[in-house]
Amino acid sequence: MACALSCAAPAHAQSPSPAAEQAEQKIVIGYLRRAEKPTAVSRIQLPAENDGEAGAQIGVDDDAVTGEFLGQNFSLVARKLKPGEDSAKALAELTRQGIQYILADLPPEALLKAADSPDAARALIFNIGAPDDYLREESCRANVVHVAPTRSMLADALAQYLIWKQWRKWFLVRGSHPQDILWAEALKRSAARFGGRIVEERVYEDRGGARRSDSGVTLVQKEMPAFTQSAPAHDVLVAADESAVFADYLPYRTWDPRPVVGSSGLVPTSWDASNEQWGATQLQQRFERKFFRPMGPLDMNAWTAARMIGEAASHGAAADASATKAFLLSPEFALAAFKGQKLTLRDWNLQLRQPILLSDGRNVVSLSPQEGFMHQFSELDTLGYDRPESKCHLK
C-alpha cells in the first residue's frame, strides 16, 4: 500500500506519511512476577511457568497491530522476583529504564510496598493478580489500577447465580489459611446481600500430607463423606479454599448429593479456556498457537491491562502515566474484552468493571451479573463494593 501511494507520484513530489514524519513512540510495558508459585490439588491445574506473562505478551502484540499505523512501538520487559526480594527495588529497576507502566502479579503487601516507593511516583501500576478488597478500599492507592476482580466481585457473581437458581441454603466449608477466611467472608457478605442463608459453616484444617500419593485417593474417599456428614438441609455446598487444599476433593464425595461451588465445581473467574462466546475463540486460538497451552485467568488479566494501555495510546494518551490514567477514567474509555459488554473503570477506587464467568472447568455455565439484578448506573456495579459502600479515598 505504501508503495502504491508513493510510486504514483514523481520522485521529487514524494512525501513521507504522517507516521514517518514523527519519531516513533516507544511504549515499554513492565511485568513484575511474584516469586512463589500457586499450589493446586491436581497436577493439570498447576500454573504454567509463563502464566500471566504470556497473556501480557499477546496483549502487547495486539497493541502493536494498531500502533504500527500510529508510529508506536510496544514491547514487554518481564522481571521475576526472587524469594524474599524487595518488590520496591524490583520496580525501581524497571522505572529507571524509563518504564512507566507496570503489570504487577504480586501479593498484597508486596504490591503496596512497590506502589508506595518513590520510584513509583510517576508510574501507573496494574494489579493483575491480587483479589483483596482492602487494596481497593481502605488501602487504595492513586497509582494502582485493579484489573483482577475482587473476592467480593467473584462472590457476588456466584451468589447471583445461586439465587437465580433458588439455591438459597448454603453449607459453607472453608479452609484454615488467611486467604480462605477472606474468601469465606466475601461469600457470607454475598449471601446476606442477595438472600442466601448459611445453614452451617465448617473449617477444614490443613494438616499437610500427600493426597496426590498412591494412598491419597483412598484416604480422601473415606475422609470427605465423613467430613460433610450430618450437615443441616442445604441446596449447595459452598467451598472457600483459595489455598487449594481440599475443595477439589469435594465433588462426588460429599455425604449428601449436592452441587459444589466456590473453589471447586462451579467457580467464578475472570476467564476460562472454554469460553467461545463474544468472539473469544479468535483470542483463544491466537494464544494457543503462540504458547501451546490454554489461556487462563491471570493471562486474561494481563492481556486486559496491556490492552488498556494500548487503548490509551491509540487515543494519544500515552505520553505519561498521568495522561493514561486520565483517559482510563474518562467517558471515552471502554474496552472490548470478549465478555459480552465493554469494560470501564470505577472512578472511586480504580477497579475495572467486568462480567464474571461461572465455569465448571469444561464449559462456561453462566455469566454474571445475572438478569434481574438491577443498578441505577451499571449492572456491573452489582458485583463488588459499590460507590456508597466504598472506603477508598484516592489521593
Protein backbone atom coordinates (compact mmCIF):
# COMPACT_ATOMS: atom_id res chain seq x y z
CA MET A 1 0.00 0.00 0.00
CA ALA A 2 2.83 2.40 0.86
CA CYS A 3 4.50 1.75 -2.48
CA ALA A 4 1.23 2.21 -4.35
CA LEU A 5 0.82 5.66 -2.84
CA SER A 6 4.39 6.84 -3.24
CA CYS A 7 5.15 5.31 -6.66
CA ALA A 8 2.11 7.02 -8.18
CA ALA A 9 3.85 10.41 -7.95
CA PRO A 10 7.13 11.62 -9.46
CA ALA A 11 10.20 11.11 -7.31
CA HIS A 12 10.60 14.80 -6.49
CA ALA A 13 6.97 15.01 -5.33
CA GLN A 14 7.14 12.13 -2.89
CA SER A 15 6.40 12.95 0.77
CA PRO A 16 6.57 10.72 3.83
CA SER A 17 3.44 9.57 5.60
CA PRO A 18 2.43 11.40 8.81
CA ALA A 19 3.61 8.43 10.86
CA ALA A 20 7.03 8.55 9.20
CA GLU A 21 7.40 12.30 9.79
CA GLN A 22 7.33 11.90 13.57
CA ALA A 23 9.72 9.94 15.69
CA GLU A 24 8.48 6.50 16.63
CA GLN A 25 6.90 6.48 20.08
CA LYS A 26 8.25 3.61 22.13
CA ILE A 27 5.93 2.29 24.81
CA VAL A 28 7.51 -0.28 27.09
CA ILE A 29 5.33 -2.25 29.50
CA GLY A 30 6.96 -3.79 32.54
CA TYR A 31 5.82 -7.03 34.17
CA LEU A 32 6.56 -7.89 37.81
CA ARG A 33 6.05 -11.53 38.77
CA ARG A 34 5.79 -12.97 42.24
CA ALA A 35 8.46 -15.40 43.38
CA GLU A 36 6.24 -18.19 44.66
CA LYS A 37 4.02 -20.42 42.53
CA PRO A 38 0.37 -21.03 43.48
CA THR A 39 -0.47 -24.52 44.65
CA ALA A 40 -3.06 -26.88 43.20
CA VAL A 41 -4.62 -30.21 44.13
CA SER A 42 -4.36 -31.64 40.60
CA ARG A 43 -1.20 -31.55 38.52
CA ILE A 44 -3.19 -30.42 35.46
CA GLN A 45 -4.16 -27.27 37.38
CA LEU A 46 -0.59 -26.24 38.20
CA PRO A 47 0.11 -22.88 36.54
CA ALA A 48 2.49 -22.66 33.60
CA GLU A 49 5.87 -21.06 34.11
CA ASN A 50 4.78 -18.13 31.91
CA ASP A 51 1.32 -17.81 33.48
CA GLY A 52 0.26 -14.17 33.15
CA GLU A 53 3.35 -13.11 31.24
CA ALA A 54 2.06 -14.96 28.18
CA GLY A 55 -1.21 -13.03 28.33
CA ALA A 56 0.70 -9.76 28.62
CA GLN A 57 2.70 -10.66 25.51
CA ILE A 58 -0.45 -11.36 23.50
CA GLY A 59 -1.83 -8.01 24.68
CA VAL A 60 1.36 -6.22 23.60
CA ASP A 61 1.17 -7.98 20.23
CA ASP A 62 -2.39 -6.71 19.81
CA ASP A 63 -1.33 -3.20 20.80
CA ALA A 64 1.40 -3.35 18.17
CA VAL A 65 -1.10 -4.01 15.38
CA THR A 66 -2.78 -0.63 15.92
CA GLY A 67 0.47 1.02 16.96
CA GLU A 68 2.07 0.26 13.61
CA PHE A 69 -0.29 2.70 11.93
CA LEU A 70 0.25 5.37 14.59
CA GLY A 71 4.03 5.28 14.77
CA GLN A 72 4.00 3.45 18.10
CA ASN A 73 6.23 0.59 19.12
CA PHE A 74 5.15 -1.67 22.02
CA SER A 75 7.38 -4.06 23.93
CA LEU A 76 7.33 -6.05 27.17
CA VAL A 77 10.04 -6.34 29.83
CA ALA A 78 9.40 -9.04 32.46
CA ARG A 79 11.04 -9.21 35.88
CA LYS A 80 10.53 -12.15 38.22
CA LEU A 81 11.16 -11.57 41.92
CA LYS A 82 13.41 -13.95 43.80
CA PRO A 83 12.21 -15.42 47.11
CA GLY A 84 12.40 -12.68 49.75
CA GLU A 85 13.34 -9.99 47.23
CA ASP A 86 12.15 -6.42 47.82
CA SER A 87 9.33 -5.55 45.41
CA ALA A 88 10.15 -1.83 45.58
CA LYS A 89 13.71 -2.45 44.38
CA ALA A 90 12.48 -4.66 41.57
CA LEU A 91 10.03 -1.96 40.49
CA ALA A 92 12.82 0.61 40.64
CA GLU A 93 14.85 -1.44 38.16
CA LEU A 94 12.01 -1.10 35.67
CA THR A 95 11.17 2.55 36.24
CA ARG A 96 14.84 3.56 35.96
CA GLN A 97 14.74 2.18 32.45
CA GLY A 98 12.02 4.71 31.72
CA ILE A 99 9.18 2.19 32.06
CA GLN A 100 6.04 3.94 33.34
CA TYR A 101 3.54 1.06 33.04
CA ILE A 102 3.91 -1.92 35.34
CA LEU A 103 1.71 -5.03 35.28
CA ALA A 104 2.03 -6.49 38.77
CA ASP A 105 1.28 -10.04 39.83
CA LEU A 106 2.31 -9.56 43.45
CA PRO A 107 1.00 -10.49 46.90
CA PRO A 108 -0.95 -7.63 48.56
CA GLU A 109 1.77 -6.29 50.85
CA ALA A 110 4.41 -6.51 48.14
CA LEU A 111 2.09 -4.60 45.81
CA LEU A 112 1.57 -1.83 48.37
CA LYS A 113 5.29 -1.61 49.08
CA ALA A 114 6.04 -1.20 45.39
CA ALA A 115 3.24 1.35 44.91
CA ASP A 116 4.42 3.45 47.86
CA SER A 117 8.06 3.55 46.78
CA PRO A 118 9.50 6.85 45.47
CA ASP A 119 10.25 5.25 42.12
CA ALA A 120 6.53 4.53 41.59
CA ALA A 121 5.53 8.18 41.89
CA ARG A 122 5.37 8.66 38.11
CA ALA A 123 4.33 5.11 37.25
CA LEU A 124 0.95 3.50 36.79
CA ILE A 125 0.71 0.00 38.24
CA PHE A 126 -1.88 -2.51 37.03
CA ASN A 127 -2.77 -5.10 39.67
CA ILE A 128 -3.48 -8.26 37.73
CA GLY A 129 -3.19 -10.85 40.50
CA ALA A 130 -4.32 -9.78 43.97
CA PRO A 131 -8.09 -10.11 44.65
CA ASP A 132 -8.00 -8.49 48.10
CA ASP A 133 -10.79 -5.96 48.59
CA TYR A 134 -8.82 -3.84 51.03
CA LEU A 135 -6.39 -2.92 48.21
CA ARG A 136 -9.35 -1.12 46.57
CA GLU A 137 -10.84 0.18 49.79
CA GLU A 138 -9.04 1.40 52.92
CA SER A 139 -5.60 0.72 51.38
CA CYS A 140 -6.32 2.03 47.87
CA ARG A 141 -3.57 3.87 46.02
CA ALA A 142 -3.96 6.51 43.32
CA ASN A 143 -1.26 4.92 41.17
CA VAL A 144 -2.72 1.38 41.17
CA VAL A 145 -5.39 0.30 38.68
CA HIS A 146 -7.01 -3.01 39.58
CA VAL A 147 -7.69 -5.34 36.67
CA ALA A 148 -8.08 -8.53 38.71
CA PRO A 149 -11.62 -8.87 40.06
CA THR A 150 -12.00 -8.70 43.84
CA ARG A 151 -13.15 -11.52 46.07
CA SER A 152 -16.37 -9.59 46.62
CA MET A 153 -16.98 -9.38 42.86
CA LEU A 154 -16.37 -13.11 42.45
CA ALA A 155 -18.57 -13.95 45.42
CA ASP A 156 -21.38 -11.67 44.23
CA ALA A 157 -21.22 -13.22 40.76
CA LEU A 158 -21.62 -16.70 42.22
CA ALA A 159 -24.32 -15.62 44.69
CA GLN A 160 -26.45 -14.03 41.98
CA TYR A 161 -26.49 -17.28 40.05
CA LEU A 162 -27.32 -19.37 43.13
CA ILE A 163 -30.19 -17.05 44.00
CA TRP A 164 -31.39 -17.09 40.39
CA LYS A 165 -31.46 -20.89 40.68
CA GLN A 166 -33.32 -20.61 44.00
CA TRP A 167 -30.47 -22.39 45.80
CA ARG A 168 -30.69 -20.26 48.92
CA LYS A 169 -29.47 -22.64 51.62
CA TRP A 170 -25.68 -22.86 51.67
CA PHE A 171 -23.44 -25.25 53.57
CA LEU A 172 -20.15 -23.32 53.79
CA VAL A 173 -16.86 -25.19 54.18
CA ARG A 174 -13.75 -23.06 54.44
CA GLY A 175 -10.05 -23.71 54.73
CA SER A 176 -7.82 -22.72 57.64
CA HIS A 177 -5.47 -20.31 55.84
CA PRO A 178 -5.87 -16.49 55.94
CA GLN A 179 -6.87 -16.23 52.27
CA ASP A 180 -9.51 -18.93 52.81
CA ILE A 181 -11.00 -16.88 55.64
CA LEU A 182 -11.13 -13.78 53.42
CA TRP A 183 -12.85 -15.77 50.65
CA ALA A 184 -15.36 -17.17 53.14
CA GLU A 185 -16.11 -13.67 54.47
CA ALA A 186 -16.76 -12.46 50.93
CA LEU A 187 -19.15 -15.35 50.35
CA LYS A 188 -21.01 -14.64 53.60
CA ARG A 189 -21.30 -10.98 52.64
CA SER A 190 -22.79 -12.00 49.28
CA ALA A 191 -25.25 -14.37 50.95
CA ALA A 192 -26.51 -11.57 53.17
CA ARG A 193 -26.62 -9.16 50.25
CA PHE A 194 -28.67 -11.28 47.86
CA GLY A 195 -30.76 -13.51 50.10
CA GLY A 196 -28.67 -16.63 50.64
CA ARG A 197 -28.52 -18.31 54.05
CA ILE A 198 -25.52 -20.06 55.57
CA VAL A 199 -27.03 -23.07 57.33
CA GLU A 200 -23.67 -24.14 58.76
CA GLU A 201 -20.01 -23.22 58.48
CA ARG A 202 -17.27 -25.81 58.92
CA VAL A 203 -13.49 -25.47 58.87
CA TYR A 204 -11.25 -27.94 57.09
CA GLU A 205 -7.91 -27.79 58.89
CA ASP A 206 -4.87 -28.15 56.69
CA ARG A 207 -2.85 -30.92 58.29
CA GLY A 208 -0.49 -31.35 55.37
CA GLY A 209 0.05 -34.78 53.89
CA ALA A 210 0.48 -36.07 50.37
CA ARG A 211 -3.02 -36.61 48.98
CA ARG A 212 -1.58 -36.99 45.49
CA SER A 213 0.39 -40.06 46.61
CA ASP A 214 -0.66 -43.66 45.88
CA SER A 215 -2.78 -43.86 49.03
CA GLY A 216 -4.24 -40.36 48.63
CA VAL A 217 -7.39 -41.27 46.69
CA THR A 218 -8.34 -43.95 49.21
CA LEU A 219 -7.77 -41.54 52.09
CA VAL A 220 -9.86 -38.78 50.53
CA GLN A 221 -12.68 -41.12 49.55
CA LYS A 222 -13.08 -42.10 53.18
CA GLU A 223 -12.49 -38.65 54.64
CA MET A 224 -14.76 -36.35 52.61
CA PRO A 225 -18.07 -38.17 53.16
CA ALA A 226 -17.42 -38.30 56.89
CA PHE A 227 -16.32 -34.67 57.00
CA THR A 228 -19.51 -33.46 55.27
CA GLN A 229 -21.88 -35.77 57.14
CA SER A 230 -24.77 -34.52 59.32
CA ALA A 231 -24.96 -31.06 57.78
CA PRO A 232 -28.31 -29.25 58.01
CA ALA A 233 -30.55 -29.39 54.95
CA HIS A 234 -28.87 -27.40 52.20
CA ASP A 235 -29.18 -26.75 48.47
CA VAL A 236 -25.49 -26.39 47.70
CA LEU A 237 -22.08 -26.85 49.33
CA VAL A 238 -20.00 -23.67 49.04
CA ALA A 239 -16.24 -24.25 49.35
CA ALA A 240 -13.86 -21.43 50.36
CA ASP A 241 -10.44 -22.94 49.67
CA GLU A 242 -8.29 -20.32 47.99
CA SER A 243 -5.18 -22.11 49.25
CA ALA A 244 -6.15 -25.18 47.16
CA VAL A 245 -6.01 -27.76 49.93
CA PHE A 246 -9.31 -29.66 49.84
CA ALA A 247 -12.04 -28.18 47.61
CA ASP A 248 -11.25 -30.22 44.53
CA TYR A 249 -11.77 -33.40 46.57
CA LEU A 250 -15.38 -32.48 47.38
CA PRO A 251 -17.32 -33.11 44.11
CA TYR A 252 -18.80 -36.63 44.02
CA ARG A 253 -17.51 -37.37 47.54
CA THR A 254 -19.86 -35.39 49.81
CA TRP A 255 -22.27 -37.21 52.13
CA ASP A 256 -25.33 -35.54 50.62
CA PRO A 257 -25.68 -35.45 46.81
CA ARG A 258 -25.43 -31.68 46.38
CA PRO A 259 -23.68 -29.38 43.88
CA VAL A 260 -20.29 -27.99 44.93
CA VAL A 261 -19.49 -24.35 44.10
CA GLY A 262 -16.95 -21.69 45.04
CA SER A 263 -13.39 -23.00 44.95
CA SER A 264 -14.40 -26.14 43.04
CA GLY A 265 -17.28 -27.36 40.93
CA LEU A 266 -18.89 -24.17 39.69
CA VAL A 267 -16.17 -21.50 40.01
CA PRO A 268 -16.40 -17.71 39.43
CA THR A 269 -13.48 -16.47 37.35
CA SER A 270 -12.30 -13.64 35.13
CA TRP A 271 -11.59 -16.09 32.29
CA ASP A 272 -11.92 -19.70 31.26
CA ALA A 273 -10.21 -21.61 28.46
CA SER A 274 -13.58 -22.96 27.30
CA ASN A 275 -15.07 -19.52 26.57
CA GLU A 276 -16.03 -19.26 22.89
CA GLN A 277 -18.69 -16.57 23.09
CA TRP A 278 -18.49 -12.91 22.02
CA GLY A 279 -15.64 -13.57 19.60
CA ALA A 280 -13.44 -15.15 22.27
CA THR A 281 -12.48 -18.08 20.03
CA GLN A 282 -10.11 -15.96 17.97
CA LEU A 283 -8.28 -14.76 21.10
CA GLN A 284 -8.10 -18.29 22.47
CA GLN A 285 -6.72 -19.65 19.22
CA ARG A 286 -4.10 -16.92 18.85
CA PHE A 287 -2.94 -17.59 22.39
CA GLU A 288 -2.81 -21.36 21.88
CA ARG A 289 -0.89 -21.06 18.60
CA LYS A 290 1.76 -18.92 20.27
CA PHE A 291 2.11 -20.66 23.63
CA PHE A 292 0.78 -24.22 23.07
CA ARG A 293 -1.49 -24.16 26.13
CA PRO A 294 -4.90 -22.80 27.16
CA MET A 295 -5.35 -19.19 28.28
CA GLY A 296 -6.06 -18.81 32.00
CA PRO A 297 -7.47 -16.06 34.24
CA LEU A 298 -4.10 -14.48 35.05
CA ASP A 299 -3.26 -14.42 31.34
CA MET A 300 -6.55 -12.66 30.65
CA ASN A 301 -5.97 -10.11 33.40
CA ALA A 302 -2.55 -9.34 31.95
CA TRP A 303 -3.92 -9.16 28.39
CA THR A 304 -6.61 -6.76 29.57
CA ALA A 305 -4.10 -4.49 31.32
CA ALA A 306 -1.88 -4.36 28.24
CA ARG A 307 -4.87 -3.55 26.05
CA MET A 308 -5.94 -0.76 28.40
CA ILE A 309 -2.54 0.83 27.86
CA GLY A 310 -2.85 0.25 24.12
CA GLU A 311 -6.28 1.89 24.05
CA ALA A 312 -4.89 4.94 25.80
CA ALA A 313 -2.02 5.09 23.32
CA SER A 314 -4.37 4.88 20.33
CA HIS A 315 -6.19 7.94 21.72
CA GLY A 316 -2.97 9.91 22.14
CA ALA A 317 -2.95 9.47 25.92
CA ALA A 318 0.27 7.53 26.45
CA ALA A 319 2.69 10.44 26.80
CA ASP A 320 2.95 9.69 30.51
CA ALA A 321 1.21 7.66 33.21
CA SER A 322 -0.95 10.57 34.39
CA ALA A 323 -2.35 11.10 30.88
CA THR A 324 -3.11 7.40 30.59
CA LYS A 325 -4.89 7.33 33.92
CA ALA A 326 -6.97 10.38 32.98
CA PHE A 327 -8.04 8.67 29.76
CA LEU A 328 -8.95 5.43 31.52
CA LEU A 329 -11.19 7.40 33.88
CA SER A 330 -12.80 9.39 31.07
CA PRO A 331 -16.07 8.59 29.27
CA GLU A 332 -14.01 7.84 26.15
CA PHE A 333 -12.55 4.65 27.61
CA ALA A 334 -14.35 1.35 27.06
CA LEU A 335 -12.54 -1.89 26.36
CA ALA A 336 -13.94 -4.79 24.36
CA ALA A 337 -12.71 -7.93 26.13
CA PHE A 338 -14.78 -10.87 24.83
CA LYS A 339 -17.17 -10.86 27.80
CA GLY A 340 -20.40 -9.66 26.30
CA GLN A 341 -20.07 -5.99 27.15
CA LYS A 342 -17.37 -3.36 27.29
CA LEU A 343 -15.30 -2.80 30.40
CA THR A 344 -14.88 0.55 32.15
CA LEU A 345 -13.07 1.81 35.24
CA ARG A 346 -14.67 2.73 38.55
CA ASP A 347 -13.52 6.23 39.35
CA TRP A 348 -13.91 5.83 43.12
CA ASN A 349 -11.37 3.03 43.59
CA LEU A 350 -9.78 2.33 40.16
CA GLN A 351 -11.32 -1.15 39.90
CA LEU A 352 -12.14 -2.41 36.42
CA ARG A 353 -15.82 -3.21 35.93
CA GLN A 354 -16.22 -6.58 34.26
CA PRO A 355 -18.59 -9.51 33.91
CA ILE A 356 -17.59 -12.68 35.76
CA LEU A 357 -17.69 -16.10 34.12
CA LEU A 358 -19.04 -19.09 36.04
CA SER A 359 -17.23 -22.21 34.87
CA ASP A 360 -17.38 -25.90 35.73
CA GLY A 361 -13.91 -26.49 34.27
CA ARG A 362 -15.27 -27.66 30.92
CA ASN A 363 -17.85 -25.04 29.96
CA VAL A 364 -18.97 -21.53 30.82
CA VAL A 365 -22.21 -22.29 32.68
CA SER A 366 -23.31 -18.68 33.06
CA LEU A 367 -22.17 -15.07 33.16
CA SER A 368 -22.83 -12.57 35.95
CA PRO A 369 -24.34 -10.08 36.59
CA GLN A 370 -27.47 -12.17 36.24
CA GLU A 371 -30.68 -10.96 34.67
CA GLY A 372 -32.88 -9.15 37.15
CA PHE A 373 -30.13 -7.69 39.34
CA MET A 374 -30.56 -4.03 38.57
CA HIS A 375 -28.44 -0.96 39.23
CA GLN A 376 -29.10 2.73 38.64
CA PHE A 377 -25.80 3.26 36.81
CA SER A 378 -24.33 -0.05 35.62
CA GLU A 379 -25.41 -3.63 36.28
CA LEU A 380 -21.71 -4.42 36.58
CA ASP A 381 -21.72 -2.40 39.80
CA THR A 382 -23.90 -5.06 41.40
CA LEU A 383 -20.64 -7.03 41.63
CA GLY A 384 -18.38 -5.99 44.49
CA TYR A 385 -18.39 -2.85 46.63
CA ASP A 386 -20.48 -0.07 45.10
CA ARG A 387 -19.68 3.62 45.35
CA PRO A 388 -21.78 4.27 48.52
CA GLU A 389 -20.06 1.33 50.26
CA SER A 390 -16.52 2.29 49.34
CA LYS A 391 -13.91 3.21 51.94
CA CYS A 392 -11.42 4.37 49.33
CA HIS A 393 -10.11 7.94 49.40
CA LEU A 394 -7.78 8.39 46.47
CA LYS A 395 -5.00 10.93 46.91
